[in-house]
Amino acid sequence: MTVRYQGVVVGQYIAGLLAGRAVAVELKAVRALANVHRAQCMNDLKASSLRLCLPRNSGRPREEIHRFVWRLRGGHRCGG
């Protein structure tokens, strides 16, 4: 996907997994999802035209998935 800043193309965004050209799925294998993973999702959403990011952690006995939504009007909403 093309990344734009103030209408200017500045690069390309490549998701770990892209579902339906609408949802970024970030694949992780860590003990626990941390604030740095949340920040990565939010930055990815802000820089792309995507609105939903699902960081998926398979580094635990039970899979961990969070949900982050980027609102179109200046802000974000997080869900766990």
PDB file of N, CA and C in Angstrom:
ATOM      1  N   MET A   1       0.833  -1.176   0.000  1.00  0.00           N
ATOM      2  CA  MET A   1       0.000   0.000   0.000  1.00  0.00           C
ATOM      3  C   MET A   1       0.879   1.240   0.000  1.00  0.00           C
ATOM      4  N   THR A   2       0.374   2.256  -0.628  1.00  0.00           N
ATOM      5  CA  THR A   2       1.096   3.512  -0.697  1.00  0.00           C
ATOM      6  C   THR A   2       0.897   4.296   0.595  1.00  0.00           C
ATOM      7  N   VAL A   3       1.979   4.873   1.107  1.00  0.00           N
ATOM      8  CA  VAL A   3       1.926   5.710   2.309  1.00  0.00           C
ATOM      9  C   VAL A   3       2.084   7.158   1.874  1.00  0.00           C
ATOM     10  N   ARG A   4       1.179   7.994   2.344  1.00  0.00           N
ATOM     11  CA  ARG A   4       1.202   9.412   1.995  1.00  0.00           C
ATOM     12  C   ARG A   4       1.347  10.270   3.254  1.00  0.00           C
ATOM     13  N   TYR A   5       2.038  11.389   3.099  1.00  0.00           N
ATOM     14  CA  TYR A   5       2.146  12.376   4.167  1.00  0.00           C
ATOM     15  C   TYR A   5       1.788  13.718   3.557  1.00  0.00           C
ATOM     16  N   GLN A   6       0.734  14.329   4.040  1.00  0.00           N
ATOM     17  CA  GLN A   6       0.218  15.595   3.527  1.00  0.00           C
ATOM     18  C   GLN A   6       0.044  15.533   2.009  1.00  0.00           C
ATOM     19  N   GLY A   7      -0.499  14.391   1.532  1.00  0.00           N
ATOM     20  CA  GLY A   7      -0.795  14.226   0.122  1.00  0.00           C
ATOM     21  C   GLY A   7       0.368  13.795  -0.755  1.00  0.00           C
ATOM     22  N   VAL A   8       1.563  13.671  -0.178  1.00  0.00           N
ATOM     23  CA  VAL A   8       2.751  13.296  -0.944  1.00  0.00           C
ATOM     24  C   VAL A   8       3.097  11.839  -0.652  1.00  0.00           C
ATOM     25  N   VAL A   9       3.357  11.065  -1.700  1.00  0.00           N
ATOM     26  CA  VAL A   9       3.752   9.666  -1.524  1.00  0.00           C
ATOM     27  C   VAL A   9       5.160   9.629  -0.922  1.00  0.00           C
ATOM     28  N   VAL A  10       5.288   8.948   0.239  1.00  0.00           N
ATOM     29  CA  VAL A  10       6.582   8.878   0.920  1.00  0.00           C
ATOM     30  C   VAL A  10       7.120   7.457   1.032  1.00  0.00           C
ATOM     31  N   GLY A  11       6.349   6.470   0.589  1.00  0.00           N
ATOM     32  CA  GLY A  11       6.844   5.097   0.657  1.00  0.00           C
ATOM     33  C   GLY A  11       5.738   4.078   0.497  1.00  0.00           C
ATOM     34  N   GLN A  12       6.076   2.853   0.827  1.00  0.00           N
ATOM     35  CA  GLN A  12       5.145   1.737   0.736  1.00  0.00           C
ATOM     36  C   GLN A  12       5.011   1.091   2.108  1.00  0.00           C
ATOM     37  N   TYR A  13       3.803   0.621   2.426  1.00  0.00           N
ATOM     38  CA  TYR A  13       3.547  -0.105   3.665  1.00  0.00           C
ATOM     39  C   TYR A  13       3.367  -1.570   3.323  1.00  0.00           C
ATOM     40  N   ILE A  14       4.068  -2.430   4.043  1.00  0.00           N
ATOM     41  CA  ILE A  14       3.945  -3.865   3.841  1.00  0.00           C
ATOM     42  C   ILE A  14       3.562  -4.484   5.176  1.00  0.00           C
ATOM     43  N   ALA A  15       2.358  -5.032   5.233  1.00  0.00           N
ATOM     44  CA  ALA A  15       1.866  -5.658   6.462  1.00  0.00           C
ATOM     45  C   ALA A  15       2.374  -7.083   6.551  1.00  0.00           C
ATOM     46  N   GLY A  16       2.474  -7.595   7.777  1.00  0.00           N
ATOM     47  CA  GLY A  16       2.816  -8.998   7.964  1.00  0.00           C
ATOM     48  C   GLY A  16       1.801  -9.879   7.256  1.00  0.00           C
ATOM     49  N   LEU A  17       0.541  -9.502   7.355  1.00  0.00           N
ATOM     50  CA  LEU A  17      -0.554 -10.195   6.683  1.00  0.00           C
ATOM     51  C   LEU A  17      -1.648  -9.169   6.464  1.00  0.00           C
ATOM     52  N   LEU A  18      -2.172  -9.102   5.257  1.00  0.00           N
ATOM     53  CA  LEU A  18      -3.227  -8.150   4.941  1.00  0.00           C
ATOM     54  C   LEU A  18      -4.479  -8.929   4.579  1.00  0.00           C
ATOM     55  N   ALA A  19      -5.553  -8.702   5.321  1.00  0.00           N
ATOM     56  CA  ALA A  19      -6.809  -9.419   5.092  1.00  0.00           C
ATOM     57  C   ALA A  19      -7.787  -8.513   4.360  1.00  0.00           C
ATOM     58  N   GLY A  20      -8.136  -8.892   3.167  1.00  0.00           N
ATOM     59  CA  GLY A  20      -9.129  -8.151   2.409  1.00  0.00           C
ATOM     60  C   GLY A  20      -8.767  -6.710   2.106  1.00  0.00           C
ATOM     61  N   ARG A  21      -7.510  -6.381   2.040  1.00  0.00           N
ATOM     62  CA  ARG A  21      -7.032  -5.012   1.791  1.00  0.00           C
ATOM     63  C   ARG A  21      -7.632  -4.008   2.775  1.00  0.00           C
ATOM     64  N   ALA A  22      -8.026  -4.495   3.961  1.00  0.00           N
ATOM     65  CA  ALA A  22      -8.663  -3.610   4.936  1.00  0.00           C
ATOM     66  C   ALA A  22      -8.127  -3.799   6.350  1.00  0.00           C
ATOM     67  N   VAL A  23      -7.578  -4.973   6.658  1.00  0.00           N
ATOM     68  CA  VAL A  23      -7.141  -5.293   8.018  1.00  0.00           C
ATOM     69  C   VAL A  23      -5.681  -5.724   7.996  1.00  0.00           C
ATOM     70  N   ALA A  24      -4.861  -5.037   8.791  1.00  0.00           N
ATOM     71  CA  ALA A  24      -3.464  -5.439   8.950  1.00  0.00           C
ATOM     72  C   ALA A  24      -3.381  -6.422  10.105  1.00  0.00           C
ATOM     73  N   VAL A  25      -2.746  -7.550   9.882  1.00  0.00           N
ATOM     74  CA  VAL A  25      -2.526  -8.535  10.938  1.00  0.00           C
ATOM     75  C   VAL A  25      -1.021  -8.595  11.167  1.00  0.00           C
ATOM     76  N   GLU A  26      -0.583  -8.163  12.344  1.00  0.00           N
ATOM     77  CA  GLU A  26       0.833  -8.183  12.688  1.00  0.00           C
ATOM     78  C   GLU A  26       1.129  -9.479  13.429  1.00  0.00           C
ATOM     79  N   LEU A  27       2.009 -10.280  12.886  1.00  0.00           N
ATOM     80  CA  LEU A  27       2.338 -11.580  13.464  1.00  0.00           C
ATOM     81  C   LEU A  27       3.516 -11.444  14.421  1.00  0.00           C
ATOM     82  N   LYS A  28       3.333 -11.872  15.663  1.00  0.00           N
ATOM     83  CA  LYS A  28       4.353 -11.775  16.702  1.00  0.00           C
ATOM     84  C   LYS A  28       4.542 -13.140  17.352  1.00  0.00           C
ATOM     85  N   ALA A  29       5.708 -13.339  17.955  1.00  0.00           N
ATOM     86  CA  ALA A  29       5.980 -14.535  18.754  1.00  0.00           C
ATOM     87  C   ALA A  29       6.790 -14.076  19.969  1.00  0.00           C
ATOM     88  N   VAL A  30       6.106 -13.445  20.908  1.00  0.00           N
ATOM     89  CA  VAL A  30       6.732 -12.874  22.099  1.00  0.00           C
ATOM     90  C   VAL A  30       5.997 -13.362  23.340  1.00  0.00           C
ATOM     91  N   ARG A  31       6.579 -13.130  24.524  1.00  0.00           N
ATOM     92  CA  ARG A  31       5.911 -13.553  25.771  1.00  0.00           C
ATOM     93  C   ARG A  31       4.577 -12.864  25.970  1.00  0.00           C
ATOM     94  N   ALA A  32       4.535 -11.579  25.639  1.00  0.00           N
ATOM     95  CA  ALA A  32       3.296 -10.811  25.777  1.00  0.00           C
ATOM     96  C   ALA A  32       3.366  -9.604  24.855  1.00  0.00           C
ATOM     97  N   LEU A  33       2.227  -9.202  24.344  1.00  0.00           N
ATOM     98  CA  LEU A  33       2.183  -7.988  23.542  1.00  0.00           C
ATOM     99  C   LEU A  33       2.400  -6.798  24.465  1.00  0.00           C
ATOM    100  N   ALA A  34       3.255  -5.880  24.042  1.00  0.00           N
ATOM    101  CA  ALA A  34       3.631  -4.738  24.870  1.00  0.00           C
ATOM    102  C   ALA A  34       3.208  -3.438  24.197  1.00  0.00           C
ATOM    103  N   ASN A  35       3.445  -2.333  24.869  1.00  0.00           N
ATOM    104  CA  ASN A  35       3.104  -1.017  24.327  1.00  0.00           C
ATOM    105  C   ASN A  35       3.788  -0.752  22.995  1.00  0.00           C
ATOM    106  N   VAL A  36       4.979  -1.295  22.799  1.00  0.00           N
ATOM    107  CA  VAL A  36       5.685  -1.087  21.534  1.00  0.00           C
ATOM    108  C   VAL A  36       4.917  -1.725  20.369  1.00  0.00           C
ATOM    109  N   HIS A  37       4.233  -2.837  20.616  1.00  0.00           N
ATOM    110  CA  HIS A  37       3.432  -3.481  19.572  1.00  0.00           C
ATOM    111  C   HIS A  37       2.173  -2.667  19.276  1.00  0.00           C
ATOM    112  N   ARG A  38       1.595  -2.079  20.315  1.00  0.00           N
ATOM    113  CA  ARG A  38       0.451  -1.180  20.141  1.00  0.00           C
ATOM    114  C   ARG A  38       0.872   0.027  19.310  1.00  0.00           C
ATOM    115  N   ALA A  39       2.013   0.607  19.649  1.00  0.00           N
ATOM    116  CA  ALA A  39       2.512   1.776  18.920  1.00  0.00           C
ATOM    117  C   ALA A  39       2.778   1.430  17.455  1.00  0.00           C
ATOM    118  N   GLN A  40       3.325   0.257  17.198  1.00  0.00           N
ATOM    119  CA  GLN A  40       3.580  -0.161  15.823  1.00  0.00           C
ATOM    120  C   GLN A  40       2.271  -0.239  15.042  1.00  0.00           C
ATOM    121  N   CYS A  41       1.253  -0.848  15.635  1.00  0.00           N
ATOM    122  CA  CYS A  41      -0.050  -0.949  14.974  1.00  0.00           C
ATOM    123  C   CYS A  41      -0.620   0.437  14.696  1.00  0.00           C
ATOM    124  N   MET A  42      -0.603   1.302  15.680  1.00  0.00           N
ATOM    125  CA  MET A  42      -1.188   2.622  15.508  1.00  0.00           C
ATOM    126  C   MET A  42      -0.432   3.422  14.450  1.00  0.00           C
ATOM    127  N   ASN A  43       0.894   3.319  14.422  1.00  0.00           N
ATOM    128  CA  ASN A  43       1.673   4.015  13.397  1.00  0.00           C
ATOM    129  C   ASN A  43       1.384   3.452  12.017  1.00  0.00           C
ATOM    130  N   ASP A  44       1.255   2.133  11.920  1.00  0.00           N
ATOM    131  CA  ASP A  44       0.926   1.505  10.642  1.00  0.00           C
ATOM    132  C   ASP A  44      -0.428   1.993  10.139  1.00  0.00           C
ATOM    133  N   LEU A  45      -1.410   2.066  11.032  1.00  0.00           N
ATOM    134  CA  LEU A  45      -2.740   2.506  10.634  1.00  0.00           C
ATOM    135  C   LEU A  45      -2.742   3.978  10.229  1.00  0.00           C
ATOM    136  N   LYS A  46      -2.020   4.772  10.971  1.00  0.00           N
ATOM    137  CA  LYS A  46      -1.967   6.205  10.675  1.00  0.00           C
ATOM    138  C   LYS A  46      -1.299   6.462   9.322  1.00  0.00           C
ATOM    139  N   ALA A  47      -0.262   5.692   8.994  1.00  0.00           N
ATOM    140  CA  ALA A  47       0.488   5.910   7.765  1.00  0.00           C
ATOM    141  C   ALA A  47      -0.171   5.297   6.539  1.00  0.00           C
ATOM    142  N   SER A  48      -1.058   4.346   6.750  1.00  0.00           N
ATOM    143  CA  SER A  48      -1.715   3.671   5.623  1.00  0.00           C
ATOM    144  C   SER A  48      -3.174   4.103   5.567  1.00  0.00           C
ATOM    145  N   SER A  49      -3.898   3.550   4.644  1.00  0.00           N
ATOM    146  CA  SER A  49      -5.326   3.852   4.563  1.00  0.00           C
ATOM    147  C   SER A  49      -6.159   2.807   5.302  1.00  0.00           C
ATOM    148  N   LEU A  50      -5.509   1.970   6.088  1.00  0.00           N
ATOM    149  CA  LEU A  50      -6.207   0.922   6.833  1.00  0.00           C
ATOM    150  C   LEU A  50      -6.827   1.492   8.101  1.00  0.00           C
ATOM    151  N   ARG A  51      -7.864   0.822   8.615  1.00  0.00           N
ATOM    152  CA  ARG A  51      -8.520   1.284   9.836  1.00  0.00           C
ATOM    153  C   ARG A  51      -8.423   0.287  10.969  1.00  0.00           C
ATOM    154  N   LEU A  52      -8.021  -0.957  10.694  1.00  0.00           N
ATOM    155  CA  LEU A  52      -8.021  -1.991  11.719  1.00  0.00           C
ATOM    156  C   LEU A  52      -6.716  -2.761  11.699  1.00  0.00           C
ATOM    157  N   CYS A  53      -6.134  -2.952  12.885  1.00  0.00           N
ATOM    158  CA  CYS A  53      -4.908  -3.730  13.034  1.00  0.00           C
ATOM    159  C   CYS A  53      -5.124  -4.784  14.112  1.00  0.00           C
ATOM    160  N   LEU A  54      -4.736  -6.000  13.817  1.00  0.00           N
ATOM    161  CA  LEU A  54      -4.849  -7.099  14.771  1.00  0.00           C
ATOM    162  C   LEU A  54      -3.462  -7.686  15.032  1.00  0.00           C
ATOM    163  N   PRO A  55      -2.815  -7.286  16.122  1.00  0.00           N
ATOM    164  CA  PRO A  55      -1.552  -7.936  16.463  1.00  0.00           C
ATOM    165  C   PRO A  55      -1.841  -9.325  17.033  1.00  0.00           C
ATOM    166  N   ARG A  56      -1.238 -10.334  16.451  1.00  0.00           N
ATOM    167  CA  ARG A  56      -1.486 -11.727  16.843  1.00  0.00           C
ATOM    168  C   ARG A  56      -0.197 -12.304  17.411  1.00  0.00           C
ATOM    169  N   ASN A  57      -0.268 -12.762  18.645  1.00  0.00           N
ATOM    170  CA  ASN A  57       0.908 -13.293  19.328  1.00  0.00           C
ATOM    171  C   ASN A  57       0.769 -14.801  19.498  1.00  0.00           C
ATOM    172  N   SER A  58       1.664 -15.538  18.878  1.00  0.00           N
ATOM    173  CA  SER A  58       1.653 -17.005  18.994  1.00  0.00           C
ATOM    174  C   SER A  58       2.787 -17.498  19.882  1.00  0.00           C
ATOM    175  N   GLY A  59       3.390 -16.605  20.656  1.00  0.00           N
ATOM    176  CA  GLY A  59       4.504 -16.972  21.523  1.00  0.00           C
ATOM    177  C   GLY A  59       4.079 -17.405  22.916  1.00  0.00           C
ATOM    178  N   ARG A  60       2.804 -17.684  23.112  1.00  0.00           N
ATOM    179  CA  ARG A  60       2.265 -18.117  24.399  1.00  0.00           C
ATOM    180  C   ARG A  60       1.529 -19.437  24.208  1.00  0.00           C
ATOM    181  N   PRO A  61       1.289 -20.160  25.283  1.00  0.00           N
ATOM    182  CA  PRO A  61       0.521 -21.402  25.147  1.00  0.00           C
ATOM    183  C   PRO A  61      -0.870 -21.171  24.549  1.00  0.00           C
ATOM    184  N   ARG A  62      -1.472 -20.030  24.879  1.00  0.00           N
ATOM    185  CA  ARG A  62      -2.774 -19.672  24.306  1.00  0.00           C
ATOM    186  C   ARG A  62      -2.589 -18.420  23.454  1.00  0.00           C
ATOM    187  N   GLU A  63      -3.052 -18.474  22.216  1.00  0.00           N
ATOM    188  CA  GLU A  63      -2.870 -17.361  21.297  1.00  0.00           C
ATOM    189  C   GLU A  63      -3.499 -16.077  21.841  1.00  0.00           C
ATOM    190  N   GLU A  64      -2.816 -14.970  21.612  1.00  0.00           N
ATOM    191  CA  GLU A  64      -3.258 -13.661  22.103  1.00  0.00           C
ATOM    192  C   GLU A  64      -3.499 -12.753  20.898  1.00  0.00           C
ATOM    193  N   ILE A  65      -4.688 -12.156  20.803  1.00  0.00           N
ATOM    194  CA  ILE A  65      -5.012 -11.238  19.711  1.00  0.00           C
ATOM    195  C   ILE A  65      -5.649  -9.991  20.308  1.00  0.00           C
ATOM    196  N   HIS A  66      -5.192  -8.835  19.855  1.00  0.00           N
ATOM    197  CA  HIS A  66      -5.785  -7.560  20.260  1.00  0.00           C
ATOM    198  C   HIS A  66      -6.384  -6.901  19.024  1.00  0.00           C
ATOM    199  N   ARG A  67      -7.118  -5.835  19.236  1.00  0.00           N
ATOM    200  CA  ARG A  67      -7.782  -5.136  18.138  1.00  0.00           C
ATOM    201  C   ARG A  67      -7.561  -3.641  18.316  1.00  0.00           C
ATOM    202  N   PHE A  68      -7.016  -3.001  17.286  1.00  0.00           N
ATOM    203  CA  PHE A  68      -6.798  -1.562  17.296  1.00  0.00           C
ATOM    204  C   PHE A  68      -7.485  -0.955  16.087  1.00  0.00           C
ATOM    205  N   VAL A  69      -8.266   0.094  16.324  1.00  0.00           N
ATOM    206  CA  VAL A  69      -9.035   0.756  15.275  1.00  0.00           C
ATOM    207  C   VAL A  69      -8.570   2.201  15.170  1.00  0.00           C
ATOM    208  N   TRP A  70      -8.298   2.641  13.937  1.00  0.00           N
ATOM    209  CA  TRP A  70      -7.938   4.036  13.692  1.00  0.00           C
ATOM    210  C   TRP A  70      -9.180   4.767  13.223  1.00  0.00           C
ATOM    211  N   ARG A  71      -9.562   5.791  13.950  1.00  0.00           N
ATOM    212  CA  ARG A  71     -10.702   6.625  13.549  1.00  0.00           C
ATOM    213  C   ARG A  71     -10.251   7.577  12.461  1.00  0.00           C
ATOM    214  N   LEU A  72     -11.131   7.867  11.537  1.00  0.00           N
ATOM    215  CA  LEU A  72     -10.780   8.749  10.420  1.00  0.00           C
ATOM    216  C   LEU A  72     -10.592  10.192  10.843  1.00  0.00           C
ATOM    217  N   ARG A  73     -11.227  10.592  11.925  1.00  0.00           N
ATOM    218  CA  ARG A  73     -11.157  12.003  12.349  1.00  0.00           C
ATOM    219  C   ARG A  73     -10.235  12.171  13.536  1.00  0.00           C
ATOM    220  N   GLY A  74      -8.944  12.106  13.281  1.00  0.00           N
ATOM    221  CA  GLY A  74      -7.931  12.475  14.254  1.00  0.00           C
ATOM    222  C   GLY A  74      -7.951  11.784  15.590  1.00  0.00           C
ATOM    223  N   GLY A  75      -7.662  10.545  15.612  1.00  0.00           N
ATOM    224  CA  GLY A  75      -7.558   9.863  16.888  1.00  0.00           C
ATOM    225  C   GLY A  75      -7.634   8.382  16.713  1.00  0.00           C
ATOM    226  N   HIS A  76      -7.529   7.700  17.820  1.00  0.00           N
ATOM    227  CA  HIS A  76      -7.593   6.234  17.752  1.00  0.00           C
ATOM    228  C   HIS A  76      -8.424   5.716  18.898  1.00  0.00           C
ATOM    229  N   ARG A  77      -8.875   4.519  18.711  1.00  0.00           N
ATOM    230  CA  ARG A  77      -9.622   3.821  19.747  1.00  0.00           C
ATOM    231  C   ARG A  77      -8.971   2.448  19.872  1.00  0.00           C
ATOM    232  N   CYS A  78      -8.704   2.046  21.060  1.00  0.00           N
ATOM    233  CA  CYS A  78      -8.031   0.771  21.277  1.00  0.00           C
ATOM    234  C   CYS A  78      -8.970  -0.190  21.970  1.00  0.00           C
ATOM    235  N   GLY A  79      -8.818  -1.432  21.646  1.00  0.00           N
ATOM    236  CA  GLY A  79      -9.573  -2.476  22.311  1.00  0.00           C
ATOM    237  C   GLY A  79      -8.661  -3.639  22.585  1.00  0.00           C
ATOM    238  N   GLY A  80      -8.918  -4.376  23.616  1.00  0.00           N
ATOM    239  CA  GLY A  80      -8.019  -5.470  23.955  1.00  0.00           C
ATOM    240  C   GLY A  80      -8.621  -6.810  23.752  1.00  0.00           C
TER     241      GLY A  80
END
